[in-house]
Amino acid sequence: LGQGREVFAVPGNADAESSAGTLAMLKEGAKLAT
């Protein structure tokens, strides 16, 4: 983001610890990618 790159994130289960970071990125404006 500091370099001005586009960021995309894959959604995961809402209760999965391993997806907490990517779900947070989506809330912060990352574009959803399936």
PDB file of all heavy atoms in Angstrom:
ATOM      1  N   LEU A   1       0.830  -1.202   0.000  1.00  0.00           N
ATOM      2  CA  LEU A   1       0.000   0.000   0.000  1.00  0.00           C
ATOM      3  C   LEU A   1       0.865   1.254   0.000  1.00  0.00           C
ATOM      4  O   LEU A   1       0.558   2.245  -0.674  1.00  0.00           O
ATOM      5  CB  LEU A   1      -0.929   0.005   1.215  1.00  0.00           C
ATOM      6  CG  LEU A   1      -2.074  -1.010   1.177  1.00  0.00           C
ATOM      7  CD1 LEU A   1      -2.781  -1.074   2.528  1.00  0.00           C
ATOM      8  CD2 LEU A   1      -3.076  -0.646   0.074  1.00  0.00           C
ATOM      9  N   GLY A   2       1.978   1.213   0.748  1.00  0.00           N
ATOM     10  CA  GLY A   2       2.888   2.348   0.770  1.00  0.00           C
ATOM     11  C   GLY A   2       3.519   2.613  -0.591  1.00  0.00           C
ATOM     12  O   GLY A   2       3.907   3.745  -0.893  1.00  0.00           O
ATOM     13  N   GLN A   3       3.616   1.583  -1.413  1.00  0.00           N
ATOM     14  CA  GLN A   3       4.153   1.735  -2.766  1.00  0.00           C
ATOM     15  C   GLN A   3       3.065   2.042  -3.789  1.00  0.00           C
ATOM     16  O   GLN A   3       3.347   2.168  -4.983  1.00  0.00           O
ATOM     17  CB  GLN A   3       4.901   0.463  -3.178  1.00  0.00           C
ATOM     18  CG  GLN A   3       6.153   0.176  -2.370  1.00  0.00           C
ATOM     19  CD  GLN A   3       6.873  -1.063  -2.871  1.00  0.00           C
ATOM     20  OE1 GLN A   3       6.569  -1.598  -3.935  1.00  0.00           O
ATOM     21  NE2 GLN A   3       7.852  -1.523  -2.110  1.00  0.00           N
ATOM     22  N   GLY A   4       1.824   2.132  -3.337  1.00  0.00           N
ATOM     23  CA  GLY A   4       0.728   2.452  -4.245  1.00  0.00           C
ATOM     24  C   GLY A   4       0.207   1.277  -5.040  1.00  0.00           C
ATOM     25  O   GLY A   4      -0.429   1.468  -6.090  1.00  0.00           O
ATOM     26  N   ARG A   5       0.439   0.049  -4.564  1.00  0.00           N
ATOM     27  CA  ARG A   5      -0.030  -1.131  -5.285  1.00  0.00           C
ATOM     28  C   ARG A   5      -1.481  -1.452  -4.917  1.00  0.00           C
ATOM     29  O   ARG A   5      -1.948  -1.155  -3.818  1.00  0.00           O
ATOM     30  CB  ARG A   5       0.852  -2.344  -4.970  1.00  0.00           C
ATOM     31  CG  ARG A   5       2.346  -2.182  -5.240  1.00  0.00           C
ATOM     32  CD  ARG A   5       2.637  -1.663  -6.627  1.00  0.00           C
ATOM     33  NE  ARG A   5       4.049  -1.752  -6.967  1.00  0.00           N
ATOM     34  CZ  ARG A   5       4.776  -0.722  -7.370  1.00  0.00           C
ATOM     35  NH1 ARG A   5       4.229   0.481  -7.478  1.00  0.00           N
ATOM     36  NH2 ARG A   5       6.048  -0.880  -7.701  1.00  0.00           N
ATOM     37  N   GLU A   6      -2.180  -2.093  -5.857  1.00  0.00           N
ATOM     38  CA  GLU A   6      -3.547  -2.546  -5.603  1.00  0.00           C
ATOM     39  C   GLU A   6      -3.496  -3.785  -4.712  1.00  0.00           C
ATOM     40  O   GLU A   6      -2.622  -4.648  -4.879  1.00  0.00           O
ATOM     41  CB  GLU A   6      -4.247  -2.899  -6.915  1.00  0.00           C
ATOM     42  CG  GLU A   6      -4.465  -1.718  -7.849  1.00  0.00           C
ATOM     43  CD  GLU A   6      -5.615  -0.836  -7.410  1.00  0.00           C
ATOM     44  OE1 GLU A   6      -6.350  -1.222  -6.471  1.00  0.00           O
ATOM     45  OE2 GLU A   6      -5.780   0.238  -8.000  1.00  0.00           O
ATOM     46  N   VAL A   7      -4.437  -3.879  -3.788  1.00  0.00           N
ATOM     47  CA  VAL A   7      -4.466  -5.016  -2.868  1.00  0.00           C
ATOM     48  C   VAL A   7      -5.798  -5.739  -3.005  1.00  0.00           C
ATOM     49  O   VAL A   7      -6.868  -5.116  -3.009  1.00  0.00           O
ATOM     50  CB  VAL A   7      -4.258  -4.568  -1.409  1.00  0.00           C
ATOM     51  CG1 VAL A   7      -4.440  -5.740  -0.450  1.00  0.00           C
ATOM     52  CG2 VAL A   7      -2.868  -3.964  -1.244  1.00  0.00           C
ATOM     53  N   PHE A   8      -5.719  -7.059  -3.112  1.00  0.00           N
ATOM     54  CA  PHE A   8      -6.893  -7.929  -3.215  1.00  0.00           C
ATOM     55  C   PHE A   8      -6.811  -8.970  -2.101  1.00  0.00           C
ATOM     56  O   PHE A   8      -5.719  -9.322  -1.647  1.00  0.00           O
ATOM     57  CB  PHE A   8      -6.915  -8.635  -4.575  1.00  0.00           C
ATOM     58  CG  PHE A   8      -6.879  -7.699  -5.755  1.00  0.00           C
ATOM     59  CD1 PHE A   8      -5.663  -7.167  -6.190  1.00  0.00           C
ATOM     60  CD2 PHE A   8      -8.034  -7.355  -6.430  1.00  0.00           C
ATOM     61  CE1 PHE A   8      -5.609  -6.306  -7.281  1.00  0.00           C
ATOM     62  CE2 PHE A   8      -7.988  -6.483  -7.513  1.00  0.00           C
ATOM     63  CZ  PHE A   8      -6.770  -5.959  -7.941  1.00  0.00           C
ATOM     64  N   ALA A   9      -7.958  -9.452  -1.685  1.00  0.00           N
ATOM     65  CA  ALA A   9      -7.976 -10.460  -0.625  1.00  0.00           C
ATOM     66  C   ALA A   9      -9.063 -11.484  -0.905  1.00  0.00           C
ATOM     67  O   ALA A   9     -10.117 -11.155  -1.465  1.00  0.00           O
ATOM     68  CB  ALA A   9      -8.187  -9.815   0.742  1.00  0.00           C
ATOM     69  N   VAL A  10      -8.787 -12.715  -0.510  1.00  0.00           N
ATOM     70  CA  VAL A  10      -9.735 -13.824  -0.675  1.00  0.00           C
ATOM     71  C   VAL A  10     -10.536 -13.954   0.613  1.00  0.00           C
ATOM     72  O   VAL A  10      -9.954 -14.026   1.702  1.00  0.00           O
ATOM     73  CB  VAL A  10      -8.981 -15.138  -0.970  1.00  0.00           C
ATOM     74  CG1 VAL A  10      -9.953 -16.314  -1.040  1.00  0.00           C
ATOM     75  CG2 VAL A  10      -8.196 -15.016  -2.271  1.00  0.00           C
ATOM     76  N   PRO A  11     -11.857 -14.001   0.533  1.00  0.00           N
ATOM     77  CA  PRO A  11     -12.652 -14.156   1.765  1.00  0.00           C
ATOM     78  C   PRO A  11     -12.506 -15.554   2.342  1.00  0.00           C
ATOM     79  O   PRO A  11     -12.276 -16.523   1.615  1.00  0.00           O
ATOM     80  CB  PRO A  11     -14.082 -13.905   1.279  1.00  0.00           C
ATOM     81  CG  PRO A  11     -14.052 -14.299  -0.170  1.00  0.00           C
ATOM     82  CD  PRO A  11     -12.698 -13.925  -0.674  1.00  0.00           C
ATOM     83  N   GLY A  12     -12.637 -15.655   3.660  1.00  0.00           N
ATOM     84  CA  GLY A  12     -12.581 -16.947   4.339  1.00  0.00           C
ATOM     85  C   GLY A  12     -13.700 -17.032   5.353  1.00  0.00           C
ATOM     86  O   GLY A  12     -14.529 -16.116   5.476  1.00  0.00           O
ATOM     87  N   ASN A  13     -13.733 -18.117   6.106  1.00  0.00           N
ATOM     88  CA  ASN A  13     -14.763 -18.283   7.131  1.00  0.00           C
ATOM     89  C   ASN A  13     -14.650 -17.192   8.190  1.00  0.00           C
ATOM     90  O   ASN A  13     -13.546 -16.872   8.646  1.00  0.00           O
ATOM     91  CB  ASN A  13     -14.633 -19.655   7.796  1.00  0.00           C
ATOM     92  CG  ASN A  13     -15.033 -20.785   6.858  1.00  0.00           C
ATOM     93  OD1 ASN A  13     -15.802 -20.584   5.927  1.00  0.00           O
ATOM     94  ND2 ASN A  13     -14.494 -21.964   7.095  1.00  0.00           N
ATOM     95  N   ALA A  14     -15.768 -16.660   8.590  1.00  0.00           N
ATOM     96  CA  ALA A  14     -15.781 -15.555   9.551  1.00  0.00           C
ATOM     97  C   ALA A  14     -15.197 -15.953  10.895  1.00  0.00           C
ATOM     98  O   ALA A  14     -14.664 -15.100  11.619  1.00  0.00           O
ATOM     99  CB  ALA A  14     -17.205 -15.027   9.727  1.00  0.00           C
ATOM    100  N   ASP A  15     -15.295 -17.225  11.244  1.00  0.00           N
ATOM    101  CA  ASP A  15     -14.793 -17.655  12.554  1.00  0.00           C
ATOM    102  C   ASP A  15     -13.443 -18.354  12.462  1.00  0.00           C
ATOM    103  O   ASP A  15     -12.991 -18.958  13.438  1.00  0.00           O
ATOM    104  CB  ASP A  15     -15.803 -18.584  13.239  1.00  0.00           C
ATOM    105  CG  ASP A  15     -16.063 -19.857  12.443  1.00  0.00           C
ATOM    106  OD1 ASP A  15     -15.607 -19.933  11.272  1.00  0.00           O
ATOM    107  OD2 ASP A  15     -16.718 -20.776  12.976  1.00  0.00           O
ATOM    108  N   ALA A  16     -12.784 -18.274  11.314  1.00  0.00           N
ATOM    109  CA  ALA A  16     -11.500 -18.944  11.136  1.00  0.00           C
ATOM    110  C   ALA A  16     -10.362 -17.990  11.480  1.00  0.00           C
ATOM    111  O   ALA A  16     -10.246 -16.913  10.889  1.00  0.00           O
ATOM    112  CB  ALA A  16     -11.346 -19.443   9.707  1.00  0.00           C
ATOM    113  N   GLU A  17      -9.551 -18.383  12.435  1.00  0.00           N
ATOM    114  CA  GLU A  17      -8.422 -17.537  12.838  1.00  0.00           C
ATOM    115  C   GLU A  17      -7.479 -17.279  11.668  1.00  0.00           C
ATOM    116  O   GLU A  17      -6.928 -16.189  11.526  1.00  0.00           O
ATOM    117  CB  GLU A  17      -7.660 -18.210  13.980  1.00  0.00           C
ATOM    118  CG  GLU A  17      -6.485 -17.393  14.492  1.00  0.00           C
ATOM    119  CD  GLU A  17      -5.735 -18.097  15.604  1.00  0.00           C
ATOM    120  OE1 GLU A  17      -6.254 -19.105  16.121  1.00  0.00           O
ATOM    121  OE2 GLU A  17      -4.617 -17.640  15.949  1.00  0.00           O
ATOM    122  N   SER A  18      -7.335 -18.275  10.795  1.00  0.00           N
ATOM    123  CA  SER A  18      -6.406 -18.134   9.677  1.00  0.00           C
ATOM    124  C   SER A  18      -6.893 -17.153   8.621  1.00  0.00           C
ATOM    125  O   SER A  18      -6.125 -16.764   7.735  1.00  0.00           O
ATOM    126  CB  SER A  18      -6.163 -19.501   9.025  1.00  0.00           C
ATOM    127  OG  SER A  18      -7.381 -20.053   8.540  1.00  0.00           O
ATOM    128  N   SER A  19      -8.161 -16.747   8.698  1.00  0.00           N
ATOM    129  CA  SER A  19      -8.708 -15.784   7.743  1.00  0.00           C
ATOM    130  C   SER A  19      -8.956 -14.416   8.357  1.00  0.00           C
ATOM    131  O   SER A  19      -9.425 -13.503   7.670  1.00  0.00           O
ATOM    132  CB  SER A  19     -10.026 -16.309   7.143  1.00  0.00           C
ATOM    133  OG  SER A  19      -9.788 -17.415   6.307  1.00  0.00           O
ATOM    134  N   ALA A  20      -8.671 -14.250   9.643  1.00  0.00           N
ATOM    135  CA  ALA A  20      -8.967 -12.979  10.313  1.00  0.00           C
ATOM    136  C   ALA A  20      -8.253 -11.808   9.650  1.00  0.00           C
ATOM    137  O   ALA A  20      -8.802 -10.710   9.525  1.00  0.00           O
ATOM    138  CB  ALA A  20      -8.584 -13.071  11.790  1.00  0.00           C
ATOM    139  N   GLY A  21      -7.024 -12.015   9.230  1.00  0.00           N
ATOM    140  CA  GLY A  21      -6.269 -10.937   8.606  1.00  0.00           C
ATOM    141  C   GLY A  21      -6.816 -10.542   7.252  1.00  0.00           C
ATOM    142  O   GLY A  21      -6.949  -9.349   6.942  1.00  0.00           O
ATOM    143  N   THR A  22      -7.143 -11.516   6.405  1.00  0.00           N
ATOM    144  CA  THR A  22      -7.667 -11.193   5.081  1.00  0.00           C
ATOM    145  C   THR A  22      -9.067 -10.582   5.177  1.00  0.00           C
ATOM    146  O   THR A  22      -9.412  -9.689   4.397  1.00  0.00           O
ATOM    147  CB  THR A  22      -7.681 -12.449   4.196  1.00  0.00           C
ATOM    148  OG1 THR A  22      -8.120 -13.580   4.957  1.00  0.00           O
ATOM    149  CG2 THR A  22      -6.291 -12.739   3.659  1.00  0.00           C
ATOM    150  N   LEU A  23      -9.875 -11.037   6.134  1.00  0.00           N
ATOM    151  CA  LEU A  23     -11.191 -10.417   6.321  1.00  0.00           C
ATOM    152  C   LEU A  23     -11.045  -8.965   6.769  1.00  0.00           C
ATOM    153  O   LEU A  23     -11.798  -8.080   6.329  1.00  0.00           O
ATOM    154  CB  LEU A  23     -12.007 -11.218   7.340  1.00  0.00           C
ATOM    155  CG  LEU A  23     -12.458 -12.605   6.880  1.00  0.00           C
ATOM    156  CD1 LEU A  23     -13.099 -13.371   8.033  1.00  0.00           C
ATOM    157  CD2 LEU A  23     -13.430 -12.490   5.704  1.00  0.00           C
ATOM    158  N   ALA A  24     -10.065  -8.700   7.626  1.00  0.00           N
ATOM    159  CA  ALA A  24      -9.810  -7.320   8.047  1.00  0.00           C
ATOM    160  C   ALA A  24      -9.373  -6.465   6.859  1.00  0.00           C
ATOM    161  O   ALA A  24      -9.772  -5.296   6.747  1.00  0.00           O
ATOM    162  CB  ALA A  24      -8.745  -7.302   9.140  1.00  0.00           C
ATOM    163  N   MET A  25      -8.567  -7.020   5.964  1.00  0.00           N
ATOM    164  CA  MET A  25      -8.140  -6.273   4.775  1.00  0.00           C
ATOM    165  C   MET A  25      -9.336  -5.889   3.911  1.00  0.00           C
ATOM    166  O   MET A  25      -9.407  -4.780   3.377  1.00  0.00           O
ATOM    167  CB  MET A  25      -7.162  -7.114   3.945  1.00  0.00           C
ATOM    168  CG  MET A  25      -5.829  -7.378   4.612  1.00  0.00           C
ATOM    169  SD  MET A  25      -4.837  -8.520   3.596  1.00  0.00           S
ATOM    170  CE  MET A  25      -3.755  -9.219   4.849  1.00  0.00           C
ATOM    171  N   LEU A  26     -10.289  -6.821   3.776  1.00  0.00           N
ATOM    172  CA  LEU A  26     -11.491  -6.525   2.992  1.00  0.00           C
ATOM    173  C   LEU A  26     -12.290  -5.394   3.626  1.00  0.00           C
ATOM    174  O   LEU A  26     -12.803  -4.508   2.933  1.00  0.00           O
ATOM    175  CB  LEU A  26     -12.348  -7.786   2.854  1.00  0.00           C
ATOM    176  CG  LEU A  26     -11.760  -8.891   1.953  1.00  0.00           C
ATOM    177  CD1 LEU A  26     -12.530 -10.197   2.124  1.00  0.00           C
ATOM    178  CD2 LEU A  26     -11.794  -8.439   0.499  1.00  0.00           C
ATOM    179  N   LYS A  27     -12.382  -5.388   4.942  1.00  0.00           N
ATOM    180  CA  LYS A  27     -13.087  -4.301   5.632  1.00  0.00           C
ATOM    181  C   LYS A  27     -12.374  -2.965   5.439  1.00  0.00           C
ATOM    182  O   LYS A  27     -13.003  -1.903   5.431  1.00  0.00           O
ATOM    183  CB  LYS A  27     -13.189  -4.615   7.129  1.00  0.00           C
ATOM    184  CG  LYS A  27     -14.097  -5.794   7.471  1.00  0.00           C
ATOM    185  CD  LYS A  27     -14.089  -6.048   8.978  1.00  0.00           C
ATOM    186  CE  LYS A  27     -14.941  -7.236   9.345  1.00  0.00           C
ATOM    187  NZ  LYS A  27     -14.911  -7.512  10.812  1.00  0.00           N
ATOM    188  N   GLU A  28     -11.052  -3.037   5.301  1.00  0.00           N
ATOM    189  CA  GLU A  28     -10.250  -1.814   5.180  1.00  0.00           C
ATOM    190  C   GLU A  28     -10.137  -1.317   3.742  1.00  0.00           C
ATOM    191  O   GLU A  28      -9.470  -0.313   3.485  1.00  0.00           O
ATOM    192  CB  GLU A  28      -8.854  -2.073   5.754  1.00  0.00           C
ATOM    193  CG  GLU A  28      -8.864  -2.324   7.258  1.00  0.00           C
ATOM    194  CD  GLU A  28      -7.595  -3.012   7.743  1.00  0.00           C
ATOM    195  OE1 GLU A  28      -6.678  -3.232   6.912  1.00  0.00           O
ATOM    196  OE2 GLU A  28      -7.521  -3.334   8.951  1.00  0.00           O
ATOM    197  N   GLY A  29     -10.758  -2.030   2.794  1.00  0.00           N
ATOM    198  CA  GLY A  29     -10.767  -1.525   1.420  1.00  0.00           C
ATOM    199  C   GLY A  29     -10.097  -2.393   0.384  1.00  0.00           C
ATOM    200  O   GLY A  29     -10.082  -2.035  -0.807  1.00  0.00           O
ATOM    201  N   ALA A  30      -9.534  -3.534   0.776  1.00  0.00           N
ATOM    202  CA  ALA A  30      -8.980  -4.443  -0.226  1.00  0.00           C
ATOM    203  C   ALA A  30     -10.114  -4.940  -1.122  1.00  0.00           C
ATOM    204  O   ALA A  30     -11.255  -5.087  -0.689  1.00  0.00           O
ATOM    205  CB  ALA A  30      -8.283  -5.618   0.447  1.00  0.00           C
ATOM    206  N   LYS A  31      -9.798  -5.207  -2.375  1.00  0.00           N
ATOM    207  CA  LYS A  31     -10.806  -5.673  -3.315  1.00  0.00           C
ATOM    208  C   LYS A  31     -10.986  -7.178  -3.182  1.00  0.00           C
ATOM    209  O   LYS A  31     -10.019  -7.917  -3.071  1.00  0.00           O
ATOM    210  CB  LYS A  31     -10.399  -5.310  -4.741  1.00  0.00           C
ATOM    211  CG  LYS A  31     -10.322  -3.796  -4.936  1.00  0.00           C
ATOM    212  CD  LYS A  31      -9.866  -3.419  -6.330  1.00  0.00           C
ATOM    213  CE  LYS A  31      -9.795  -1.903  -6.464  1.00  0.00           C
ATOM    214  NZ  LYS A  31      -9.326  -1.482  -7.807  1.00  0.00           N
ATOM    215  N   LEU A  32     -12.224  -7.619  -3.199  1.00  0.00           N
ATOM    216  CA  LEU A  32     -12.537  -9.025  -3.006  1.00  0.00           C
ATOM    217  C   LEU A  32     -12.158  -9.820  -4.244  1.00  0.00           C
ATOM    218  O   LEU A  32     -12.423  -9.406  -5.383  1.00  0.00           O
ATOM    219  CB  LEU A  32     -14.019  -9.189  -2.699  1.00  0.00           C
ATOM    220  CG  LEU A  32     -14.493 -10.605  -2.359  1.00  0.00           C
ATOM    221  CD1 LEU A  32     -15.593 -10.543  -1.296  1.00  0.00           C
ATOM    222  CD2 LEU A  32     -15.022 -11.317  -3.598  1.00  0.00           C
ATOM    223  N   ALA A  33     -11.552 -10.982  -4.038  1.00  0.00           N
ATOM    224  CA  ALA A  33     -11.170 -11.854  -5.144  1.00  0.00           C
ATOM    225  C   ALA A  33     -11.576 -13.279  -4.838  1.00  0.00           C
ATOM    226  O   ALA A  33     -11.164 -13.843  -3.822  1.00  0.00           O
ATOM    227  CB  ALA A  33      -9.670 -11.783  -5.380  1.00  0.00           C
ATOM    228  N   THR A  34     -12.397 -13.847  -5.702  1.00  0.00           N
ATOM    229  CA  THR A  34     -12.767 -15.258  -5.575  1.00  0.00           C
ATOM    230  C   THR A  34     -12.296 -16.060  -6.785  1.00  0.00           C
ATOM    231  O   THR A  34     -12.448 -17.274  -6.806  1.00  0.00           O
ATOM    232  CB  THR A  34     -14.293 -15.418  -5.426  1.00  0.00           C
ATOM    233  OG1 THR A  34     -14.939 -14.834  -6.561  1.00  0.00           O
ATOM    234  CG2 THR A  34     -14.785 -14.738  -4.154  1.00  0.00           C
TER     235      THR A  34
END
